[in-house]
Amino acid sequence: MEVESSLLNDATIDASSSTLEGGPSRIRIGGWVPRVDDLHPVLLVELPEVKWLTSIYIQGREDEENWVTSLRVIGSQDNKTWLPVFGPDGHEILEGNDDQDSVVSHYFKTPMEVKYVKVIPETWHRWPSLRMDIKGCHLPEGIIQIYVSFLYTY
């Protein structure tokens, strides 16, 4: 079985909007910053293939006191049907940051098979800016069947 690793390495990252200095490619270094007129900012990650999504790590903007205080993560295999990802407490809304420097991590209650991931800021401090990483792994078909069987047996 593959160990959990970053899913962003080979991913295509897009956003509902971004400023010149805060494009979606800066989500790991510096931070993504949506435009002022974007009332519903969203980050979209497209993976090269379907993977298990297991966790998200978020942090505020590096050079400004801006951060996301709550967010939702939704996933899809076809970019049409979207399902929520639930945090370890079973809630759809995940807690965000209290400052721009701390890293907040959420391991999802149940991993989800995804090719597409949307990160949707719900509330924020000053402006919805963030740095982030999503993690997951590829599981061979046999292991997926055993995992699903185990979940429904117990």
N, C-alpha and C. Protein backbone atom coordinates (compact mmCIF):
# COMPACT_ATOMS: atom_id res chain seq x y z
N MET A 1 0.85 -1.17 0.00
CA MET A 1 0.00 0.00 0.00
C MET A 1 0.89 1.23 0.00
N GLU A 2 0.50 2.22 -0.78
CA GLU A 2 1.23 3.47 -0.88
C GLU A 2 0.98 4.32 0.36
N VAL A 3 1.99 5.01 0.83
CA VAL A 3 1.87 5.91 1.96
C VAL A 3 1.21 7.21 1.48
N GLU A 4 0.45 7.82 2.36
CA GLU A 4 -0.19 9.10 2.05
C GLU A 4 0.86 10.11 1.59
N SER A 5 0.56 10.82 0.50
CA SER A 5 1.48 11.84 -0.01
C SER A 5 0.68 12.99 -0.61
N SER A 6 1.37 14.08 -0.95
CA SER A 6 0.69 15.24 -1.53
C SER A 6 0.07 14.86 -2.87
N LEU A 7 -1.16 15.30 -3.07
CA LEU A 7 -1.84 15.08 -4.34
C LEU A 7 -1.65 16.27 -5.29
N LEU A 8 -0.99 17.32 -4.82
CA LEU A 8 -0.85 18.53 -5.63
C LEU A 8 0.33 18.48 -6.60
N ASN A 9 1.24 17.52 -6.42
CA ASN A 9 2.46 17.50 -7.24
C ASN A 9 2.19 17.50 -8.73
N ASP A 10 1.25 16.70 -9.21
CA ASP A 10 0.95 16.62 -10.64
C ASP A 10 -0.44 17.16 -10.97
N ALA A 11 -1.03 17.88 -10.05
CA ALA A 11 -2.40 18.35 -10.23
C ALA A 11 -2.45 19.66 -11.03
N THR A 12 -3.61 19.88 -11.65
CA THR A 12 -3.92 21.16 -12.27
C THR A 12 -4.76 21.93 -11.27
N ILE A 13 -4.38 23.17 -10.99
CA ILE A 13 -5.07 23.96 -9.98
C ILE A 13 -5.66 25.20 -10.64
N ASP A 14 -6.95 25.42 -10.40
CA ASP A 14 -7.64 26.58 -10.95
C ASP A 14 -8.43 27.22 -9.82
N ALA A 15 -8.92 28.43 -10.05
CA ALA A 15 -9.69 29.14 -9.03
C ALA A 15 -10.79 29.95 -9.69
N SER A 16 -11.81 30.25 -8.90
CA SER A 16 -12.90 31.09 -9.38
C SER A 16 -12.38 32.47 -9.77
N SER A 17 -11.34 32.93 -9.09
CA SER A 17 -10.66 34.18 -9.42
C SER A 17 -9.36 34.24 -8.64
N SER A 18 -8.51 35.20 -8.98
CA SER A 18 -7.30 35.43 -8.19
C SER A 18 -6.71 36.78 -8.56
N THR A 19 -5.96 37.33 -7.62
CA THR A 19 -5.24 38.57 -7.88
C THR A 19 -3.97 38.22 -8.64
N LEU A 20 -3.32 39.22 -9.19
CA LEU A 20 -2.07 38.97 -9.94
C LEU A 20 -1.00 38.32 -9.07
N GLU A 21 -0.89 38.78 -7.81
CA GLU A 21 0.15 38.23 -6.94
C GLU A 21 -0.29 36.99 -6.17
N GLY A 22 -1.56 36.60 -6.29
CA GLY A 22 -2.07 35.47 -5.51
C GLY A 22 -2.77 34.43 -6.35
N GLY A 23 -2.16 34.02 -7.46
CA GLY A 23 -2.77 33.02 -8.33
C GLY A 23 -2.85 31.65 -7.68
N PRO A 24 -3.67 30.75 -8.23
CA PRO A 24 -3.85 29.42 -7.64
C PRO A 24 -2.57 28.60 -7.59
N SER A 25 -1.60 28.91 -8.44
CA SER A 25 -0.34 28.16 -8.39
C SER A 25 0.46 28.48 -7.13
N ARG A 26 0.04 29.51 -6.39
CA ARG A 26 0.75 29.91 -5.17
C ARG A 26 0.13 29.32 -3.90
N ILE A 27 -0.70 28.29 -4.03
CA ILE A 27 -1.35 27.75 -2.84
C ILE A 27 -0.38 27.07 -1.88
N ARG A 28 0.80 26.70 -2.32
CA ARG A 28 1.78 26.10 -1.42
C ARG A 28 2.77 27.13 -0.88
N ILE A 29 3.09 28.12 -1.68
CA ILE A 29 4.06 29.15 -1.27
C ILE A 29 3.42 30.51 -1.50
N GLY A 30 3.27 31.29 -0.47
CA GLY A 30 2.70 32.62 -0.58
C GLY A 30 1.22 32.65 -0.27
N GLY A 31 0.43 31.96 -1.08
CA GLY A 31 -1.00 31.88 -0.83
C GLY A 31 -1.84 32.31 -2.02
N TRP A 32 -2.98 31.64 -2.16
CA TRP A 32 -3.98 32.01 -3.16
C TRP A 32 -4.81 33.15 -2.59
N VAL A 33 -5.07 34.16 -3.42
CA VAL A 33 -5.85 35.32 -3.01
C VAL A 33 -6.90 35.59 -4.08
N PRO A 34 -8.20 35.37 -3.79
CA PRO A 34 -9.24 35.68 -4.77
C PRO A 34 -9.43 37.18 -4.93
N ARG A 35 -10.02 37.58 -6.05
CA ARG A 35 -10.28 39.00 -6.31
C ARG A 35 -11.34 39.54 -5.35
N VAL A 36 -11.36 40.84 -5.18
CA VAL A 36 -12.30 41.52 -4.29
C VAL A 36 -13.75 41.28 -4.72
N ASP A 37 -14.02 41.18 -6.01
CA ASP A 37 -15.39 41.02 -6.49
C ASP A 37 -15.86 39.56 -6.50
N ASP A 38 -15.03 38.63 -6.07
CA ASP A 38 -15.40 37.21 -6.01
C ASP A 38 -16.09 36.94 -4.68
N LEU A 39 -17.42 36.92 -4.69
CA LEU A 39 -18.18 36.74 -3.46
C LEU A 39 -18.28 35.28 -3.01
N HIS A 40 -17.94 34.33 -3.88
CA HIS A 40 -17.99 32.91 -3.56
C HIS A 40 -16.71 32.23 -4.07
N PRO A 41 -15.58 32.51 -3.44
CA PRO A 41 -14.31 31.98 -3.94
C PRO A 41 -14.23 30.46 -3.81
N VAL A 42 -13.63 29.83 -4.82
CA VAL A 42 -13.48 28.37 -4.86
C VAL A 42 -12.14 28.03 -5.52
N LEU A 43 -11.44 27.07 -4.94
CA LEU A 43 -10.26 26.49 -5.57
C LEU A 43 -10.66 25.15 -6.15
N LEU A 44 -10.23 24.85 -7.36
CA LEU A 44 -10.51 23.57 -8.00
C LEU A 44 -9.20 22.87 -8.31
N VAL A 45 -9.08 21.65 -7.83
CA VAL A 45 -7.89 20.83 -8.09
C VAL A 45 -8.32 19.65 -8.96
N GLU A 46 -7.63 19.47 -10.08
CA GLU A 46 -7.87 18.31 -10.94
C GLU A 46 -6.64 17.42 -10.86
N LEU A 47 -6.85 16.19 -10.42
CA LEU A 47 -5.76 15.22 -10.32
C LEU A 47 -5.59 14.49 -11.65
N PRO A 48 -4.39 13.98 -11.93
CA PRO A 48 -4.19 13.27 -13.20
C PRO A 48 -4.96 11.95 -13.26
N GLU A 49 -5.30 11.39 -12.11
CA GLU A 49 -6.07 10.14 -12.05
C GLU A 49 -6.84 10.10 -10.74
N VAL A 50 -7.78 9.20 -10.62
CA VAL A 50 -8.57 9.05 -9.40
C VAL A 50 -7.66 8.55 -8.28
N LYS A 51 -7.78 9.20 -7.12
CA LYS A 51 -7.00 8.85 -5.93
C LYS A 51 -7.92 8.89 -4.71
N TRP A 52 -7.44 8.29 -3.62
CA TRP A 52 -8.13 8.41 -2.34
C TRP A 52 -7.72 9.74 -1.72
N LEU A 53 -8.67 10.60 -1.39
CA LEU A 53 -8.43 11.85 -0.68
C LEU A 53 -8.55 11.56 0.81
N THR A 54 -7.49 11.84 1.57
CA THR A 54 -7.49 11.47 3.00
C THR A 54 -7.39 12.66 3.95
N SER A 55 -6.79 13.78 3.50
CA SER A 55 -6.61 14.90 4.43
C SER A 55 -6.33 16.20 3.70
N ILE A 56 -6.48 17.30 4.44
CA ILE A 56 -6.16 18.64 3.94
C ILE A 56 -5.39 19.38 5.02
N TYR A 57 -4.45 20.18 4.58
CA TYR A 57 -3.65 21.04 5.46
C TYR A 57 -3.80 22.46 4.95
N ILE A 58 -4.17 23.39 5.84
CA ILE A 58 -4.35 24.77 5.41
C ILE A 58 -3.57 25.72 6.31
N GLN A 59 -3.26 26.87 5.75
CA GLN A 59 -2.49 27.89 6.43
C GLN A 59 -2.90 29.24 5.82
N GLY A 60 -2.71 30.32 6.54
CA GLY A 60 -3.06 31.64 6.03
C GLY A 60 -2.07 32.15 4.99
N ARG A 61 -2.38 33.31 4.47
CA ARG A 61 -1.50 33.95 3.49
C ARG A 61 -0.17 34.31 4.15
N GLU A 62 0.91 34.12 3.41
CA GLU A 62 2.24 34.29 3.97
C GLU A 62 2.58 35.74 4.31
N ASP A 63 2.20 36.68 3.46
CA ASP A 63 2.67 38.06 3.61
C ASP A 63 1.60 39.05 4.08
N GLU A 64 0.43 38.58 4.45
CA GLU A 64 -0.65 39.44 4.94
C GLU A 64 -1.40 38.69 6.04
N GLU A 65 -2.06 39.44 6.92
CA GLU A 65 -2.85 38.82 7.98
C GLU A 65 -4.23 38.45 7.45
N ASN A 66 -4.27 37.49 6.54
CA ASN A 66 -5.50 36.98 5.93
C ASN A 66 -5.48 35.46 6.06
N TRP A 67 -6.63 34.89 6.46
CA TRP A 67 -6.73 33.44 6.53
C TRP A 67 -8.18 33.00 6.52
N VAL A 68 -8.38 31.74 6.21
CA VAL A 68 -9.72 31.13 6.18
C VAL A 68 -10.01 30.56 7.57
N THR A 69 -11.18 30.90 8.13
CA THR A 69 -11.54 30.41 9.46
C THR A 69 -12.46 29.20 9.42
N SER A 70 -13.12 28.97 8.29
CA SER A 70 -13.89 27.74 8.09
C SER A 70 -14.01 27.48 6.59
N LEU A 71 -14.15 26.20 6.23
CA LEU A 71 -14.19 25.82 4.82
C LEU A 71 -14.93 24.51 4.63
N ARG A 72 -15.28 24.26 3.38
CA ARG A 72 -15.85 22.98 2.98
C ARG A 72 -14.95 22.39 1.91
N VAL A 73 -14.91 21.07 1.86
CA VAL A 73 -14.19 20.34 0.82
C VAL A 73 -15.19 19.40 0.18
N ILE A 74 -15.29 19.44 -1.15
CA ILE A 74 -16.17 18.52 -1.85
C ILE A 74 -15.36 17.83 -2.94
N GLY A 75 -15.74 16.61 -3.26
CA GLY A 75 -14.99 15.83 -4.23
C GLY A 75 -15.88 15.24 -5.31
N SER A 76 -15.25 14.91 -6.45
CA SER A 76 -15.98 14.36 -7.58
C SER A 76 -15.04 13.45 -8.39
N GLN A 77 -15.63 12.47 -9.04
CA GLN A 77 -14.86 11.65 -9.98
C GLN A 77 -15.07 12.11 -11.42
N ASP A 78 -16.16 12.88 -11.68
CA ASP A 78 -16.49 13.25 -13.06
C ASP A 78 -16.64 14.76 -13.28
N ASN A 79 -16.41 15.58 -12.26
CA ASN A 79 -16.55 17.03 -12.32
C ASN A 79 -18.01 17.45 -12.56
N LYS A 80 -18.96 16.55 -12.27
CA LYS A 80 -20.39 16.86 -12.39
C LYS A 80 -21.12 16.58 -11.08
N THR A 81 -20.90 15.41 -10.52
CA THR A 81 -21.53 15.02 -9.27
C THR A 81 -20.54 15.26 -8.14
N TRP A 82 -20.92 16.13 -7.21
CA TRP A 82 -20.04 16.52 -6.11
C TRP A 82 -20.60 16.03 -4.78
N LEU A 83 -19.72 15.48 -3.94
CA LEU A 83 -20.11 15.00 -2.62
C LEU A 83 -19.25 15.66 -1.56
N PRO A 84 -19.84 15.96 -0.39
CA PRO A 84 -19.05 16.58 0.67
C PRO A 84 -18.08 15.58 1.29
N VAL A 85 -16.96 16.12 1.75
CA VAL A 85 -16.00 15.35 2.52
C VAL A 85 -16.19 15.78 3.96
N PHE A 86 -16.27 14.82 4.88
CA PHE A 86 -16.55 15.12 6.27
C PHE A 86 -15.29 15.05 7.11
N GLY A 87 -15.17 15.99 8.05
CA GLY A 87 -14.03 15.99 8.97
C GLY A 87 -14.13 14.85 9.96
N PRO A 88 -13.12 14.69 10.81
CA PRO A 88 -13.11 13.58 11.77
C PRO A 88 -14.29 13.61 12.74
N ASP A 89 -14.89 14.78 12.95
CA ASP A 89 -16.04 14.90 13.85
C ASP A 89 -17.37 14.66 13.12
N GLY A 90 -17.29 14.36 11.81
CA GLY A 90 -18.49 14.09 11.03
C GLY A 90 -19.15 15.32 10.45
N HIS A 91 -18.59 16.50 10.68
CA HIS A 91 -19.17 17.74 10.16
C HIS A 91 -18.64 18.06 8.76
N GLU A 92 -19.50 18.70 7.97
CA GLU A 92 -19.13 19.10 6.61
C GLU A 92 -18.30 20.39 6.61
N ILE A 93 -18.57 21.29 7.56
CA ILE A 93 -17.79 22.53 7.69
C ILE A 93 -16.57 22.23 8.56
N LEU A 94 -15.40 22.51 8.01
CA LEU A 94 -14.15 22.25 8.72
C LEU A 94 -13.63 23.54 9.35
N GLU A 95 -13.06 23.43 10.53
CA GLU A 95 -12.45 24.59 11.18
C GLU A 95 -11.19 24.99 10.43
N GLY A 96 -11.00 26.29 10.32
CA GLY A 96 -9.81 26.82 9.66
C GLY A 96 -8.80 27.34 10.65
N ASN A 97 -8.12 28.38 10.24
CA ASN A 97 -7.03 28.93 11.02
C ASN A 97 -7.47 30.00 12.00
N ASP A 98 -6.61 30.24 13.01
CA ASP A 98 -6.75 31.34 13.96
C ASP A 98 -5.72 32.43 13.67
N ASP A 99 -4.78 32.14 12.79
CA ASP A 99 -3.73 33.09 12.43
C ASP A 99 -3.19 32.72 11.05
N GLN A 100 -2.26 33.50 10.54
CA GLN A 100 -1.76 33.26 9.19
C GLN A 100 -0.64 32.22 9.12
N ASP A 101 -0.03 31.87 10.25
CA ASP A 101 1.15 31.02 10.23
C ASP A 101 0.92 29.56 10.63
N SER A 102 -0.04 29.30 11.50
CA SER A 102 -0.27 27.93 11.96
C SER A 102 -0.82 27.06 10.84
N VAL A 103 -0.46 25.79 10.87
CA VAL A 103 -0.99 24.82 9.91
C VAL A 103 -2.10 24.04 10.60
N VAL A 104 -3.29 24.03 9.99
CA VAL A 104 -4.42 23.26 10.50
C VAL A 104 -4.59 22.05 9.60
N SER A 105 -4.66 20.87 10.21
CA SER A 105 -4.83 19.65 9.42
C SER A 105 -6.15 18.97 9.77
N HIS A 106 -6.77 18.38 8.76
CA HIS A 106 -8.00 17.61 8.93
C HIS A 106 -7.84 16.29 8.21
N TYR A 107 -7.96 15.20 8.97
CA TYR A 107 -7.99 13.86 8.38
C TYR A 107 -9.46 13.50 8.24
N PHE A 108 -9.87 13.19 7.04
CA PHE A 108 -11.28 13.00 6.77
C PHE A 108 -11.82 11.73 7.42
N LYS A 109 -13.08 11.80 7.82
CA LYS A 109 -13.74 10.68 8.50
C LYS A 109 -13.68 9.41 7.65
N THR A 110 -13.95 9.57 6.37
CA THR A 110 -13.86 8.46 5.42
C THR A 110 -13.13 8.96 4.18
N PRO A 111 -12.07 8.29 3.76
CA PRO A 111 -11.41 8.70 2.52
C PRO A 111 -12.40 8.65 1.36
N MET A 112 -12.19 9.50 0.37
CA MET A 112 -13.09 9.56 -0.79
C MET A 112 -12.27 9.41 -2.06
N GLU A 113 -12.78 8.61 -3.00
CA GLU A 113 -12.14 8.50 -4.31
C GLU A 113 -12.50 9.73 -5.12
N VAL A 114 -11.48 10.47 -5.56
CA VAL A 114 -11.72 11.72 -6.28
C VAL A 114 -10.74 11.88 -7.44
N LYS A 115 -11.17 12.60 -8.43
CA LYS A 115 -10.29 13.13 -9.48
C LYS A 115 -10.29 14.65 -9.40
N TYR A 116 -11.38 15.20 -8.84
CA TYR A 116 -11.55 16.64 -8.70
C TYR A 116 -11.85 16.96 -7.23
N VAL A 117 -11.28 18.06 -6.75
CA VAL A 117 -11.51 18.52 -5.38
C VAL A 117 -11.76 20.02 -5.41
N LYS A 118 -12.84 20.44 -4.75
CA LYS A 118 -13.11 21.87 -4.58
C LYS A 118 -12.91 22.22 -3.10
N VAL A 119 -12.18 23.30 -2.88
CA VAL A 119 -12.01 23.84 -1.54
C VAL A 119 -12.75 25.17 -1.52
N ILE A 120 -13.73 25.28 -0.62
CA ILE A 120 -14.63 26.42 -0.60
C ILE A 120 -14.52 27.13 0.74
N PRO A 121 -13.87 28.30 0.78
CA PRO A 121 -13.85 29.08 2.02
C PRO A 121 -15.27 29.52 2.40
N GLU A 122 -15.64 29.34 3.65
CA GLU A 122 -16.95 29.76 4.14
C GLU A 122 -16.86 31.05 4.94
N THR A 123 -15.86 31.15 5.82
CA THR A 123 -15.64 32.36 6.60
C THR A 123 -14.14 32.62 6.64
N TRP A 124 -13.77 33.87 6.92
CA TRP A 124 -12.36 34.22 6.89
C TRP A 124 -12.08 35.44 7.75
N HIS A 125 -10.80 35.65 8.03
CA HIS A 125 -10.31 36.83 8.72
C HIS A 125 -9.76 37.80 7.68
N ARG A 126 -10.36 38.95 7.56
CA ARG A 126 -10.00 40.03 6.63
C ARG A 126 -10.21 39.65 5.16
N TRP A 127 -9.61 38.57 4.67
CA TRP A 127 -9.78 38.19 3.27
C TRP A 127 -9.54 36.69 3.11
N PRO A 128 -10.29 35.99 2.24
CA PRO A 128 -10.18 34.53 2.13
C PRO A 128 -8.93 34.06 1.38
N SER A 129 -7.79 34.18 2.01
CA SER A 129 -6.52 33.76 1.41
C SER A 129 -6.04 32.50 2.10
N LEU A 130 -5.38 31.62 1.34
CA LEU A 130 -4.86 30.42 2.00
C LEU A 130 -3.71 29.78 1.23
N ARG A 131 -2.92 29.07 2.00
CA ARG A 131 -1.95 28.10 1.48
C ARG A 131 -2.49 26.75 1.88
N MET A 132 -2.27 25.73 1.07
CA MET A 132 -2.83 24.43 1.42
C MET A 132 -2.10 23.29 0.72
N ASP A 133 -2.36 22.11 1.22
CA ASP A 133 -1.95 20.87 0.57
C ASP A 133 -3.06 19.87 0.83
N ILE A 134 -3.31 19.00 -0.12
CA ILE A 134 -4.23 17.89 0.09
C ILE A 134 -3.43 16.61 -0.06
N LYS A 135 -3.78 15.63 0.74
CA LYS A 135 -3.02 14.38 0.73
C LYS A 135 -3.95 13.20 0.49
N GLY A 136 -3.34 12.14 -0.01
CA GLY A 136 -4.09 10.93 -0.29
C GLY A 136 -3.17 9.86 -0.84
N CYS A 137 -3.75 8.85 -1.43
CA CYS A 137 -2.94 7.76 -1.97
C CYS A 137 -3.73 6.99 -3.02
N HIS A 138 -3.01 6.17 -3.75
CA HIS A 138 -3.61 5.26 -4.72
C HIS A 138 -3.65 3.89 -4.07
N LEU A 139 -4.81 3.26 -4.09
CA LEU A 139 -4.94 1.92 -3.52
C LEU A 139 -5.27 0.92 -4.62
N PRO A 140 -4.57 -0.19 -4.67
CA PRO A 140 -4.91 -1.23 -5.65
C PRO A 140 -6.34 -1.73 -5.44
N GLU A 141 -6.96 -2.20 -6.50
CA GLU A 141 -8.37 -2.62 -6.49
C GLU A 141 -8.68 -3.61 -5.37
N GLY A 142 -7.83 -4.58 -5.14
CA GLY A 142 -8.09 -5.59 -4.11
C GLY A 142 -8.18 -5.00 -2.72
N ILE A 143 -7.32 -4.03 -2.43
CA ILE A 143 -7.33 -3.40 -1.12
C ILE A 143 -8.59 -2.57 -0.94
N ILE A 144 -9.05 -1.91 -2.00
CA ILE A 144 -10.28 -1.14 -1.91
C ILE A 144 -11.45 -2.06 -1.56
N GLN A 145 -11.53 -3.21 -2.20
CA GLN A 145 -12.61 -4.15 -1.92
C GLN A 145 -12.57 -4.63 -0.48
N ILE A 146 -11.38 -4.95 0.03
CA ILE A 146 -11.24 -5.40 1.42
C ILE A 146 -11.66 -4.28 2.36
N TYR A 147 -11.22 -3.04 2.10
CA TYR A 147 -11.55 -1.89 2.93
C TYR A 147 -13.06 -1.67 2.98
N VAL A 148 -13.71 -1.69 1.81
CA VAL A 148 -15.16 -1.48 1.75
C VAL A 148 -15.87 -2.63 2.46
N SER A 149 -15.44 -3.86 2.27
CA SER A 149 -16.04 -5.01 2.94
C SER A 149 -15.91 -4.87 4.45
N PHE A 150 -14.75 -4.43 4.91
CA PHE A 150 -14.51 -4.26 6.34
C PHE A 150 -15.46 -3.20 6.91
N LEU A 151 -15.63 -2.09 6.21
CA LEU A 151 -16.50 -1.00 6.68
C LEU A 151 -17.94 -1.48 6.85
N TYR A 152 -18.41 -2.32 5.95
CA TYR A 152 -19.80 -2.76 6.02
C TYR A 152 -20.00 -3.99 6.88
N THR A 153 -18.92 -4.63 7.31
CA THR A 153 -19.02 -5.79 8.17
C THR A 153 -19.10 -5.37 9.63
N TYR A 154 -18.39 -4.31 9.97
CA TYR A 154 -18.30 -3.89 11.39
C TYR A 154 -19.05 -2.64 11.68
